[in-house]
Amino acid sequence: MKIAACAARGLEFLHDKANPPVIYRYFKSSNILLGEGFQPKLSDFGLAKLGSTGVKSHVSPRVMGTYGYGAPKYAMIGQLTVESDVYNFGVVFLELITGRKAINSTAPQGQQNLITWNTRMKIAACAARGLEFLHDKANPPVIYRYFKSSNILLGEGFQPKLSDFGLAKLGSTGVKSHVSPRVMGTYGYGAPKYAMIGQLTVESDVYNFGVVFLELITGRKAINSTAPQGQQNLITWVTNPFVFFIP
């Protein structure tokens, strides 16, 4: 955890304190050099990009980096942002907590990527049990309202924990609905009924879970503003009868 925390502070410096800001682009485990006391230092800035003051993105005509670490948006359209570095950091963090490489070509089929299909299903199943507890076993019942992928924290063995209950609502005993005067949440996850009339129910959470589940099995975000017209909203995309994807 010390290595991860220090490396994260290094990225924070490049993104928020360096002038101009720096997009590292090559954040991977082999570029973290360990000194005395396992003090990490970032190395190899050959692919780094300097942004203008206040600008933290870059469109690259050529995608470069190491397979297994590339952020999806950068790999698909060459859009390089500080979030690309954060994605790379996430991969390195997974390597640290699992002891596995980002890509292991000698692993059995289906286990070459760090997050396997079984792991994705485990994350979904455990998160679903968390919602079940809030809805059916907590007293009073809890409507989470903020179920989204970034609020699922992964611990040892990819064990998920739900976080950020700032928008949650407590129902009366036996009551699993709430009328909200103000619609709150993250665009792309909101249940239609809640978005239209402010009717918040346990089914709203189930809808949010469905969006997260689709993210897990498709590898796409709920909202991707850089995608082609008609493909920016994940729900719209998967409900298109002409869409097919291979799991």
Protein backbone atom coordinates (compact mmCIF):
# COMPACT_ATOMS: atom_id res chain seq x y z
CA MET A 1 0.00 0.00 0.00
CA LYS A 2 2.94 2.34 0.68
CA ILE A 3 4.22 1.80 -2.88
CA ALA A 4 0.76 2.45 -4.34
CA ALA A 5 0.19 5.57 -2.23
CA CYS A 6 3.58 7.10 -3.09
CA ALA A 7 3.16 6.33 -6.79
CA ALA A 8 -0.30 7.93 -6.70
CA ARG A 9 1.20 11.08 -5.16
CA GLY A 10 3.72 11.13 -8.01
CA LEU A 11 0.89 11.12 -10.55
CA GLU A 12 -0.95 13.78 -8.57
CA PHE A 13 2.12 16.01 -8.78
CA LEU A 14 2.41 15.53 -12.54
CA HIS A 15 -1.28 16.23 -13.12
CA ASP A 16 -2.08 18.99 -10.63
CA LYS A 17 1.14 20.65 -9.48
CA ALA A 18 3.53 20.53 -12.43
CA ASN A 19 3.37 23.55 -14.72
CA PRO A 20 2.58 22.73 -17.46
CA PRO A 21 0.73 19.55 -16.39
CA VAL A 22 2.20 16.23 -17.52
CA ILE A 23 0.33 13.19 -18.85
CA TYR A 24 2.69 10.33 -18.06
CA ARG A 25 1.17 7.80 -20.53
CA TYR A 26 3.60 5.04 -19.54
CA PHE A 27 2.57 4.24 -15.98
CA LYS A 28 3.25 0.54 -15.46
CA SER A 29 4.83 -1.58 -12.77
CA SER A 30 8.24 -1.90 -14.47
CA ASN A 31 8.54 1.91 -14.55
CA ILE A 32 8.23 2.20 -10.78
CA LEU A 33 11.76 2.02 -9.41
CA LEU A 34 12.11 1.07 -5.74
CA GLY A 35 14.81 2.72 -3.65
CA GLU A 36 15.83 2.38 -0.03
CA GLY A 37 12.91 1.38 2.16
CA PHE A 38 10.89 0.51 -0.96
CA GLN A 39 10.49 4.20 -1.75
CA PRO A 40 9.04 4.30 -5.31
CA LYS A 41 10.18 6.67 -8.06
CA LEU A 42 8.52 7.07 -11.45
CA SER A 43 10.86 6.56 -14.41
CA ASP A 44 10.92 6.63 -18.23
CA PHE A 45 9.17 9.79 -19.37
CA GLY A 46 9.89 9.16 -23.05
CA LEU A 47 6.19 8.94 -23.95
CA ALA A 48 5.00 11.69 -21.59
CA LYS A 49 3.07 14.66 -22.96
CA LEU A 50 3.11 18.23 -21.69
CA GLY A 51 -0.23 20.03 -21.71
CA SER A 52 -0.83 23.74 -21.93
CA THR A 53 -1.53 25.44 -18.62
CA GLY A 54 -4.88 24.12 -17.41
CA VAL A 55 -5.13 21.59 -20.26
CA LYS A 56 -4.97 17.94 -19.23
CA SER A 57 -5.72 16.14 -22.48
CA HIS A 58 -4.01 15.38 -25.75
CA VAL A 59 -5.14 13.74 -29.00
CA SER A 60 -2.44 11.38 -30.20
CA PRO A 61 -2.17 10.33 -33.87
CA ARG A 62 -0.48 7.12 -32.76
CA VAL A 63 -1.38 4.91 -29.81
CA MET A 64 1.71 3.86 -27.87
CA GLY A 65 2.27 1.96 -24.65
CA THR A 66 2.29 -1.56 -23.24
CA TYR A 67 -0.49 -4.06 -23.90
CA GLY A 68 -2.61 -4.61 -20.81
CA TYR A 69 -2.23 -1.09 -19.44
CA GLY A 70 -3.82 1.08 -22.13
CA ALA A 71 -6.96 2.99 -21.14
CA PRO A 72 -9.91 2.04 -23.43
CA LYS A 73 -10.60 5.63 -24.61
CA TYR A 74 -6.94 6.14 -25.52
CA ALA A 75 -6.73 2.77 -27.29
CA MET A 76 -9.91 3.41 -29.31
CA ILE A 77 -9.68 7.06 -30.35
CA GLY A 78 -6.26 8.30 -29.21
CA GLN A 79 -7.79 10.61 -26.57
CA LEU A 80 -5.08 10.89 -23.92
CA THR A 81 -6.11 12.46 -20.60
CA VAL A 82 -5.06 12.40 -16.97
CA GLU A 83 -7.78 9.75 -16.58
CA SER A 84 -5.68 7.54 -18.88
CA ASP A 85 -2.90 7.65 -16.28
CA VAL A 86 -5.42 6.92 -13.53
CA TYR A 87 -6.60 3.85 -15.46
CA ASN A 88 -2.97 2.68 -15.75
CA PHE A 89 -2.54 3.22 -12.02
CA GLY A 90 -5.61 1.06 -11.42
CA VAL A 91 -4.04 -1.79 -13.38
CA VAL A 92 -0.78 -1.48 -11.42
CA PHE A 93 -2.76 -1.40 -8.16
CA LEU A 94 -4.51 -4.62 -9.16
CA GLU A 95 -1.12 -6.17 -9.87
CA LEU A 96 0.06 -5.15 -6.40
CA ILE A 97 -2.92 -6.59 -4.51
CA THR A 98 -3.26 -9.78 -6.57
CA GLY A 99 0.38 -10.60 -7.27
CA ARG A 100 -0.50 -11.14 -10.94
CA LYS A 101 0.66 -9.44 -14.13
CA ALA A 102 -1.61 -7.24 -16.24
CA ILE A 103 -1.26 -9.77 -19.06
CA ASN A 104 -0.08 -13.34 -18.57
CA SER A 105 0.06 -15.13 -21.91
CA THR A 106 0.96 -18.44 -20.22
CA ALA A 107 -2.17 -18.47 -18.05
CA PRO A 108 -5.11 -20.76 -18.95
CA GLN A 109 -7.59 -19.50 -21.51
CA GLY A 110 -9.93 -16.97 -19.91
CA GLN A 111 -7.47 -16.10 -17.14
CA GLN A 112 -4.93 -14.14 -19.19
CA ASN A 113 -6.50 -10.79 -18.33
CA LEU A 114 -6.26 -9.70 -14.71
CA ILE A 115 -10.03 -9.50 -14.22
CA THR A 116 -11.53 -12.77 -15.48
CA TRP A 117 -15.16 -13.46 -16.30
CA ASN A 118 -15.55 -15.42 -13.07
CA THR A 119 -14.22 -12.43 -11.14
CA ARG A 120 -16.62 -10.06 -12.88
CA MET A 121 -19.55 -12.31 -12.02
CA LYS A 122 -18.33 -12.59 -8.43
CA ILE A 123 -18.22 -8.79 -8.15
CA ALA A 124 -21.74 -8.53 -9.56
CA ALA A 125 -23.13 -11.28 -7.29
CA CYS A 126 -21.59 -9.83 -4.12
CA ALA A 127 -22.76 -6.31 -4.97
CA ALA A 128 -26.26 -7.69 -5.58
CA ARG A 129 -26.22 -9.33 -2.14
CA GLY A 130 -25.26 -5.96 -0.67
CA LEU A 131 -28.34 -4.37 -2.26
CA GLU A 132 -30.49 -7.28 -1.09
CA PHE A 133 -29.36 -6.64 2.48
CA LEU A 134 -30.19 -2.93 2.25
CA HIS A 135 -33.63 -3.59 0.77
CA ASP A 136 -34.83 -6.71 2.61
CA LYS A 137 -32.81 -7.16 5.79
CA ALA A 138 -31.93 -3.67 7.02
CA ASN A 139 -34.46 -2.15 9.42
CA PRO A 140 -35.59 0.34 8.29
CA PRO A 141 -34.98 -0.58 4.64
CA VAL A 142 -32.47 1.53 2.72
CA ILE A 143 -32.80 2.81 -0.84
CA TYR A 144 -29.19 3.30 -1.93
CA ARG A 145 -29.91 5.66 -4.86
CA TYR A 146 -26.21 5.97 -5.81
CA PHE A 147 -25.36 2.47 -7.04
CA LYS A 148 -22.72 2.90 -9.75
CA SER A 149 -19.43 1.24 -10.65
CA SER A 150 -17.20 3.88 -9.03
CA ASN A 151 -18.97 3.31 -5.70
CA ILE A 152 -18.04 -0.37 -5.62
CA LEU A 153 -14.71 -0.62 -3.81
CA LEU A 154 -12.66 -3.77 -4.40
CA GLY A 155 -10.69 -5.28 -1.53
CA GLU A 156 -8.52 -8.36 -1.21
CA GLY A 157 -9.56 -11.08 -3.65
CA PHE A 158 -11.73 -8.54 -5.52
CA GLN A 159 -14.24 -8.59 -2.65
CA PRO A 160 -16.63 -5.68 -3.37
CA LYS A 161 -17.91 -3.23 -0.79
CA LEU A 162 -20.58 -0.59 -1.41
CA SER A 163 -19.54 2.97 -0.54
CA ASP A 164 -20.88 6.55 -0.46
CA PHE A 165 -24.29 6.49 1.18
CA GLY A 166 -24.67 10.27 1.06
CA LEU A 167 -27.78 10.08 -1.15
CA ALA A 168 -29.33 7.00 0.49
CA LYS A 169 -32.86 7.20 1.87
CA LEU A 170 -34.28 5.34 4.87
CA GLY A 171 -37.82 4.06 4.46
CA SER A 172 -40.34 3.42 7.21
CA THR A 173 -40.60 -0.19 8.32
CA GLY A 174 -42.08 -2.11 5.40
CA VAL A 175 -41.97 0.94 3.11
CA LYS A 176 -39.55 0.70 0.19
CA SER A 177 -40.31 3.88 -1.73
CA HIS A 178 -39.73 7.61 -1.40
CA VAL A 179 -40.89 10.64 -3.37
CA SER A 180 -37.98 13.02 -3.88
CA PRO A 181 -38.51 16.73 -4.64
CA ARG A 182 -35.15 16.79 -6.38
CA VAL A 183 -33.64 14.17 -8.69
CA MET A 184 -30.01 13.45 -7.79
CA GLY A 185 -27.44 10.95 -9.02
CA THR A 186 -25.11 10.34 -11.94
CA TYR A 187 -26.23 10.68 -15.55
CA GLY A 188 -26.54 7.28 -17.23
CA TYR A 189 -27.54 5.34 -14.13
CA GLY A 190 -30.86 6.93 -13.16
CA ALA A 191 -33.99 4.77 -13.39
CA PRO A 192 -36.57 6.29 -15.81
CA LYS A 193 -39.37 6.45 -13.21
CA TYR A 194 -37.15 8.27 -10.75
CA ALA A 195 -35.86 10.66 -13.41
CA MET A 196 -39.37 11.51 -14.65
CA ILE A 197 -41.47 11.83 -11.49
CA GLY A 198 -39.03 11.55 -8.57
CA GLN A 199 -40.47 8.18 -7.49
CA LEU A 200 -37.59 6.45 -5.72
CA THR A 201 -38.04 2.73 -5.01
CA VAL A 202 -35.92 -0.37 -4.49
CA GLU A 203 -36.51 -1.01 -8.18
CA SER A 204 -34.54 2.19 -8.87
CA ASP A 205 -31.52 0.54 -7.24
CA VAL A 206 -32.14 -2.63 -9.24
CA TYR A 207 -32.11 -0.57 -12.45
CA ASN A 208 -28.79 1.00 -11.40
CA PHE A 209 -27.44 -2.49 -10.74
CA GLY A 210 -28.46 -3.51 -14.26
CA VAL A 211 -26.44 -0.64 -15.72
CA VAL A 212 -23.37 -1.63 -13.69
CA PHE A 213 -23.83 -5.27 -14.74
CA LEU A 214 -23.87 -4.20 -18.39
CA GLU A 215 -20.67 -2.24 -17.80
CA LEU A 216 -19.06 -5.38 -16.37
CA ILE A 217 -19.99 -7.65 -19.27
CA THR A 218 -19.44 -5.17 -22.12
CA GLY A 219 -16.42 -3.25 -20.84
CA ARG A 220 -18.17 0.02 -21.71
CA LYS A 221 -19.13 2.99 -19.53
CA ALA A 222 -22.73 3.96 -18.81
CA ILE A 223 -22.10 7.22 -20.69
CA ASN A 224 -19.31 7.73 -23.21
CA SER A 225 -19.56 11.19 -24.76
CA THR A 226 -16.76 10.40 -27.25
CA ALA A 227 -18.59 7.42 -28.79
CA PRO A 228 -20.42 7.75 -32.14
CA GLN A 229 -23.96 9.12 -32.16
CA GLY A 230 -26.39 6.49 -30.88
CA GLN A 231 -23.69 4.65 -28.92
CA GLN A 232 -22.99 7.18 -26.18
CA ASN A 233 -25.61 5.83 -23.78
CA LEU A 234 -24.96 2.20 -22.81
CA ILE A 235 -28.65 1.36 -22.32
CA THR A 236 -29.55 2.78 -25.73
CA TRP A 237 -26.67 0.89 -27.32
CA VAL A 238 -27.48 -2.55 -25.87
CA THR A 239 -31.21 -2.24 -26.58
CA ASN A 240 -30.50 -1.59 -30.26
CA PRO A 241 -31.59 -4.82 -32.02
CA PHE A 242 -28.61 -4.58 -34.38
CA VAL A 243 -26.01 -4.57 -31.60
CA PHE A 244 -24.07 -7.76 -30.97
CA PHE A 245 -21.09 -8.24 -28.70
CA ILE A 246 -19.00 -11.28 -27.95
CA PRO A 247 -18.44 -11.96 -24.22
